[in-house]
Amino acid sequence: MKKLFLNAFLVFLFHAFASLSHAAARETPDEAVAMVKKAVQYLKTHGKEKAFAEFSNPKGQFVDRNLYVFVYDMNGTNLAIGQNQRLIGKNLSELRDADGVYMIKNMLDAAKKSGKGWNDYKWTNPATQVIEAKSSYFEKVDDVVIGCGIYK
């Protein structure tokens, strides 16, 4: 009986610490903003070709845990992304999240109006494979929008 109780207690502790470490590892809004600002500076310094290649490098400096840079033109075509390179070159302006929210279209509309901001939607977290609330910070730079998101 003591052994059963001890095993159950150890399993409980394992799951409790795993949950805490997952929560502690969550990316922050400040980290997303910093990543976008770093990407904007990199684009201005190195030009589009070199910047988009670096942004799309899954082992590059613009991918950190669940943080990754993405870039869209003003029509909704993906020009760079650090997490799913199959999206590059595709127009995703009509892409909707699980609740029917136009993720890219809404971001581009907001970028045209204010130049920067946050865009909320739901997206599958690659770490958990669960659809979660996500918020992406973005900035318009000339004719492109650079962003980076966090799971809430």
C-alpha atoms as a PDB file:
ATOM      1  CA  MET A   1       0.000   0.000   0.000  1.00  0.00           C
ATOM      2  CA  LYS A   2       2.832   2.404   0.853  1.00  0.00           C
ATOM      3  CA  LYS A   3       4.526   1.612  -2.460  1.00  0.00           C
ATOM      4  CA  LEU A   4       1.309   2.346  -4.393  1.00  0.00           C
ATOM      5  CA  PHE A   5       0.881   5.633  -2.538  1.00  0.00           C
ATOM      6  CA  LEU A   6       4.520   6.576  -3.175  1.00  0.00           C
ATOM      7  CA  ASN A   7       4.214   5.800  -6.900  1.00  0.00           C
ATOM      8  CA  ALA A   8       1.008   7.846  -7.174  1.00  0.00           C
ATOM      9  CA  PHE A   9       2.652  10.728  -5.328  1.00  0.00           C
ATOM     10  CA  LEU A  10       5.710  10.621  -7.609  1.00  0.00           C
ATOM     11  CA  VAL A  11       3.500  10.674 -10.714  1.00  0.00           C
ATOM     12  CA  PHE A  12       1.628  13.655  -9.261  1.00  0.00           C
ATOM     13  CA  LEU A  13       4.895  15.512  -8.595  1.00  0.00           C
ATOM     14  CA  PHE A  14       6.182  14.764 -12.088  1.00  0.00           C
ATOM     15  CA  HIS A  15       3.057  16.216 -13.712  1.00  0.00           C
ATOM     16  CA  ALA A  16       3.007  19.212 -11.380  1.00  0.00           C
ATOM     17  CA  PHE A  17       6.633  20.104 -12.163  1.00  0.00           C
ATOM     18  CA  ALA A  18       6.116  19.480 -15.874  1.00  0.00           C
ATOM     19  CA  SER A  19       3.172  21.897 -15.865  1.00  0.00           C
ATOM     20  CA  LEU A  20       5.157  24.504 -13.969  1.00  0.00           C
ATOM     21  CA  SER A  21       8.152  24.246 -16.280  1.00  0.00           C
ATOM     22  CA  HIS A  22       5.891  24.510 -19.342  1.00  0.00           C
ATOM     23  CA  ALA A  23       4.217  27.612 -17.908  1.00  0.00           C
ATOM     24  CA  ALA A  24       7.571  29.108 -16.939  1.00  0.00           C
ATOM     25  CA  ALA A  25       8.890  28.521 -20.452  1.00  0.00           C
ATOM     26  CA  ARG A  26       6.079  30.545 -22.060  1.00  0.00           C
ATOM     27  CA  GLU A  27       7.275  33.356 -24.230  1.00  0.00           C
ATOM     28  CA  THR A  28       6.333  36.892 -23.216  1.00  0.00           C
ATOM     29  CA  PRO A  29       4.864  39.842 -25.111  1.00  0.00           C
ATOM     30  CA  ASP A  30       8.108  41.760 -24.505  1.00  0.00           C
ATOM     31  CA  GLU A  31      10.075  38.953 -26.167  1.00  0.00           C
ATOM     32  CA  ALA A  32       7.806  39.040 -29.228  1.00  0.00           C
ATOM     33  CA  VAL A  33       8.174  42.824 -29.526  1.00  0.00           C
ATOM     34  CA  ALA A  34      11.955  42.552 -29.142  1.00  0.00           C
ATOM     35  CA  MET A  35      12.099  39.848 -31.845  1.00  0.00           C
ATOM     36  CA  VAL A  36      10.137  42.029 -34.298  1.00  0.00           C
ATOM     37  CA  LYS A  37      12.274  45.082 -33.566  1.00  0.00           C
ATOM     38  CA  LYS A  38      15.415  42.999 -34.110  1.00  0.00           C
ATOM     39  CA  ALA A  39      13.978  41.715 -37.415  1.00  0.00           C
ATOM     40  CA  VAL A  40      13.047  45.238 -38.562  1.00  0.00           C
ATOM     41  CA  GLN A  41      16.602  46.411 -37.899  1.00  0.00           C
ATOM     42  CA  TYR A  42      18.038  43.357 -39.673  1.00  0.00           C
ATOM     43  CA  LEU A  43      15.847  44.047 -42.724  1.00  0.00           C
ATOM     44  CA  LYS A  44      16.918  47.691 -42.845  1.00  0.00           C
ATOM     45  CA  THR A  45      20.588  46.751 -42.514  1.00  0.00           C
ATOM     46  CA  HIS A  46      20.771  43.716 -44.830  1.00  0.00           C
ATOM     47  CA  GLY A  47      17.939  44.142 -47.339  1.00  0.00           C
ATOM     48  CA  LYS A  48      14.982  41.919 -48.149  1.00  0.00           C
ATOM     49  CA  GLU A  49      16.718  38.979 -49.807  1.00  0.00           C
ATOM     50  CA  LYS A  50      19.184  38.314 -47.013  1.00  0.00           C
ATOM     51  CA  ALA A  51      16.672  39.174 -44.276  1.00  0.00           C
ATOM     52  CA  PHE A  52      13.912  36.912 -45.605  1.00  0.00           C
ATOM     53  CA  ALA A  53      16.362  34.030 -45.935  1.00  0.00           C
ATOM     54  CA  GLU A  54      17.508  34.505 -42.332  1.00  0.00           C
ATOM     55  CA  PHE A  55      13.939  34.902 -41.033  1.00  0.00           C
ATOM     56  CA  SER A  56      13.037  31.596 -42.740  1.00  0.00           C
ATOM     57  CA  ASN A  57      15.987  29.687 -41.304  1.00  0.00           C
ATOM     58  CA  PRO A  58      14.509  27.374 -38.616  1.00  0.00           C
ATOM     59  CA  LYS A  59      17.907  27.251 -36.886  1.00  0.00           C
ATOM     60  CA  GLY A  60      18.650  30.959 -37.337  1.00  0.00           C
ATOM     61  CA  GLN A  61      18.657  33.895 -34.985  1.00  0.00           C
ATOM     62  CA  PHE A  62      14.957  34.674 -35.557  1.00  0.00           C
ATOM     63  CA  VAL A  63      13.633  31.409 -34.104  1.00  0.00           C
ATOM     64  CA  ASP A  64      13.639  30.955 -30.336  1.00  0.00           C
ATOM     65  CA  ARG A  65      11.428  28.304 -28.704  1.00  0.00           C
ATOM     66  CA  ASN A  66       7.899  29.113 -29.989  1.00  0.00           C
ATOM     67  CA  LEU A  67       8.959  32.586 -31.116  1.00  0.00           C
ATOM     68  CA  TYR A  68       9.573  32.965 -34.841  1.00  0.00           C
ATOM     69  CA  VAL A  69       9.421  35.853 -37.270  1.00  0.00           C
ATOM     70  CA  PHE A  70       6.997  35.938 -40.185  1.00  0.00           C
ATOM     71  CA  VAL A  71       6.654  38.425 -43.039  1.00  0.00           C
ATOM     72  CA  TYR A  72       3.705  39.216 -45.321  1.00  0.00           C
ATOM     73  CA  ASP A  73       3.339  41.588 -48.226  1.00  0.00           C
ATOM     74  CA  MET A  74       0.352  43.943 -48.130  1.00  0.00           C
ATOM     75  CA  ASN A  75      -1.727  41.508 -50.219  1.00  0.00           C
ATOM     76  CA  GLY A  76      -1.296  38.658 -47.724  1.00  0.00           C
ATOM     77  CA  THR A  77       1.433  36.637 -49.424  1.00  0.00           C
ATOM     78  CA  ASN A  78       3.864  35.059 -46.994  1.00  0.00           C
ATOM     79  CA  LEU A  79       7.432  36.120 -47.806  1.00  0.00           C
ATOM     80  CA  ALA A  80       9.277  34.550 -44.871  1.00  0.00           C
ATOM     81  CA  ILE A  81       8.524  32.406 -41.833  1.00  0.00           C
ATOM     82  CA  GLY A  82      10.752  30.639 -39.363  1.00  0.00           C
ATOM     83  CA  GLN A  83       8.419  27.797 -38.483  1.00  0.00           C
ATOM     84  CA  ASN A  84       6.643  26.390 -41.561  1.00  0.00           C
ATOM     85  CA  GLN A  85       8.509  27.152 -44.787  1.00  0.00           C
ATOM     86  CA  ARG A  86       5.765  25.490 -46.883  1.00  0.00           C
ATOM     87  CA  LEU A  87       3.759  28.700 -46.399  1.00  0.00           C
ATOM     88  CA  ILE A  88       6.316  30.895 -48.165  1.00  0.00           C
ATOM     89  CA  GLY A  89       4.959  32.277 -51.426  1.00  0.00           C
ATOM     90  CA  LYS A  90       1.343  31.498 -50.573  1.00  0.00           C
ATOM     91  CA  ASN A  91      -1.350  34.132 -50.272  1.00  0.00           C
ATOM     92  CA  LEU A  92      -2.932  33.533 -46.878  1.00  0.00           C
ATOM     93  CA  SER A  93      -5.162  36.602 -46.693  1.00  0.00           C
ATOM     94  CA  GLU A  94      -8.289  34.414 -46.501  1.00  0.00           C
ATOM     95  CA  LEU A  95      -6.876  32.122 -43.797  1.00  0.00           C
ATOM     96  CA  ARG A  96      -9.185  31.862 -40.787  1.00  0.00           C
ATOM     97  CA  ASP A  97      -8.573  30.519 -37.320  1.00  0.00           C
ATOM     98  CA  ALA A  98     -10.727  27.982 -35.477  1.00  0.00           C
ATOM     99  CA  ASP A  99     -13.281  30.711 -34.665  1.00  0.00           C
ATOM    100  CA  GLY A 100     -13.454  32.041 -38.225  1.00  0.00           C
ATOM    101  CA  VAL A 101     -11.250  35.091 -37.563  1.00  0.00           C
ATOM    102  CA  TYR A 102      -9.308  36.334 -40.608  1.00  0.00           C
ATOM    103  CA  MET A 103      -5.849  36.242 -39.079  1.00  0.00           C
ATOM    104  CA  ILE A 104      -3.734  37.746 -41.858  1.00  0.00           C
ATOM    105  CA  LYS A 105      -6.364  40.081 -43.303  1.00  0.00           C
ATOM    106  CA  ASN A 106      -7.026  41.595 -39.852  1.00  0.00           C
ATOM    107  CA  MET A 107      -3.313  42.082 -39.218  1.00  0.00           C
ATOM    108  CA  LEU A 108      -2.784  43.768 -42.599  1.00  0.00           C
ATOM    109  CA  ASP A 109      -5.793  46.058 -42.099  1.00  0.00           C
ATOM    110  CA  ALA A 110      -4.462  47.121 -38.702  1.00  0.00           C
ATOM    111  CA  ALA A 111      -0.947  47.613 -40.130  1.00  0.00           C
ATOM    112  CA  LYS A 112      -2.324  49.900 -42.865  1.00  0.00           C
ATOM    113  CA  LYS A 113      -4.139  52.005 -40.259  1.00  0.00           C
ATOM    114  CA  SER A 114      -1.667  52.203 -37.397  1.00  0.00           C
ATOM    115  CA  GLY A 115       1.629  50.754 -38.630  1.00  0.00           C
ATOM    116  CA  LYS A 116       1.994  48.384 -35.685  1.00  0.00           C
ATOM    117  CA  GLY A 117       0.015  46.562 -33.041  1.00  0.00           C
ATOM    118  CA  TRP A 118      -1.237  43.216 -31.788  1.00  0.00           C
ATOM    119  CA  ASN A 119      -3.412  40.666 -33.585  1.00  0.00           C
ATOM    120  CA  ASP A 120      -5.337  38.026 -31.591  1.00  0.00           C
ATOM    121  CA  TYR A 121      -6.419  34.643 -32.981  1.00  0.00           C
ATOM    122  CA  LYS A 122      -6.239  30.922 -32.264  1.00  0.00           C
ATOM    123  CA  TRP A 123      -3.518  28.690 -33.677  1.00  0.00           C
ATOM    124  CA  THR A 124      -2.109  25.225 -33.101  1.00  0.00           C
ATOM    125  CA  ASN A 125       0.798  25.360 -30.685  1.00  0.00           C
ATOM    126  CA  PRO A 126       3.563  23.187 -32.207  1.00  0.00           C
ATOM    127  CA  ALA A 127       4.800  22.251 -28.720  1.00  0.00           C
ATOM    128  CA  THR A 128       1.439  20.943 -27.486  1.00  0.00           C
ATOM    129  CA  GLN A 129      -0.438  20.257 -30.759  1.00  0.00           C
ATOM    130  CA  VAL A 130      -3.437  22.008 -29.164  1.00  0.00           C
ATOM    131  CA  ILE A 131      -5.287  25.022 -30.587  1.00  0.00           C
ATOM    132  CA  GLU A 132      -4.519  27.898 -28.220  1.00  0.00           C
ATOM    133  CA  ALA A 133      -5.097  31.637 -28.021  1.00  0.00           C
ATOM    134  CA  LYS A 134      -2.240  33.443 -29.724  1.00  0.00           C
ATOM    135  CA  SER A 135      -1.339  37.093 -30.062  1.00  0.00           C
ATOM    136  CA  SER A 136       1.126  38.420 -32.618  1.00  0.00           C
ATOM    137  CA  TYR A 137       2.925  41.724 -32.487  1.00  0.00           C
ATOM    138  CA  PHE A 138       3.559  43.267 -35.915  1.00  0.00           C
ATOM    139  CA  GLU A 139       5.147  46.306 -37.519  1.00  0.00           C
ATOM    140  CA  LYS A 140       4.735  47.619 -41.061  1.00  0.00           C
ATOM    141  CA  VAL A 141       8.031  48.383 -42.785  1.00  0.00           C
ATOM    142  CA  ASP A 142       7.614  49.941 -46.223  1.00  0.00           C
ATOM    143  CA  ASP A 143       5.540  47.394 -48.176  1.00  0.00           C
ATOM    144  CA  VAL A 144       5.772  44.431 -45.770  1.00  0.00           C
ATOM    145  CA  VAL A 145       4.538  43.486 -42.301  1.00  0.00           C
ATOM    146  CA  ILE A 146       6.901  41.720 -39.896  1.00  0.00           C
ATOM    147  CA  GLY A 147       5.455  39.851 -36.938  1.00  0.00           C
ATOM    148  CA  CYS A 148       6.097  37.425 -34.116  1.00  0.00           C
ATOM    149  CA  GLY A 149       3.522  35.730 -31.892  1.00  0.00           C
ATOM    150  CA  ILE A 150       3.143  34.283 -28.434  1.00  0.00           C
ATOM    151  CA  TYR A 151       0.757  31.710 -27.032  1.00  0.00           C
ATOM    152  CA  LYS A 152      -1.264  33.093 -24.151  1.00  0.00           C
END
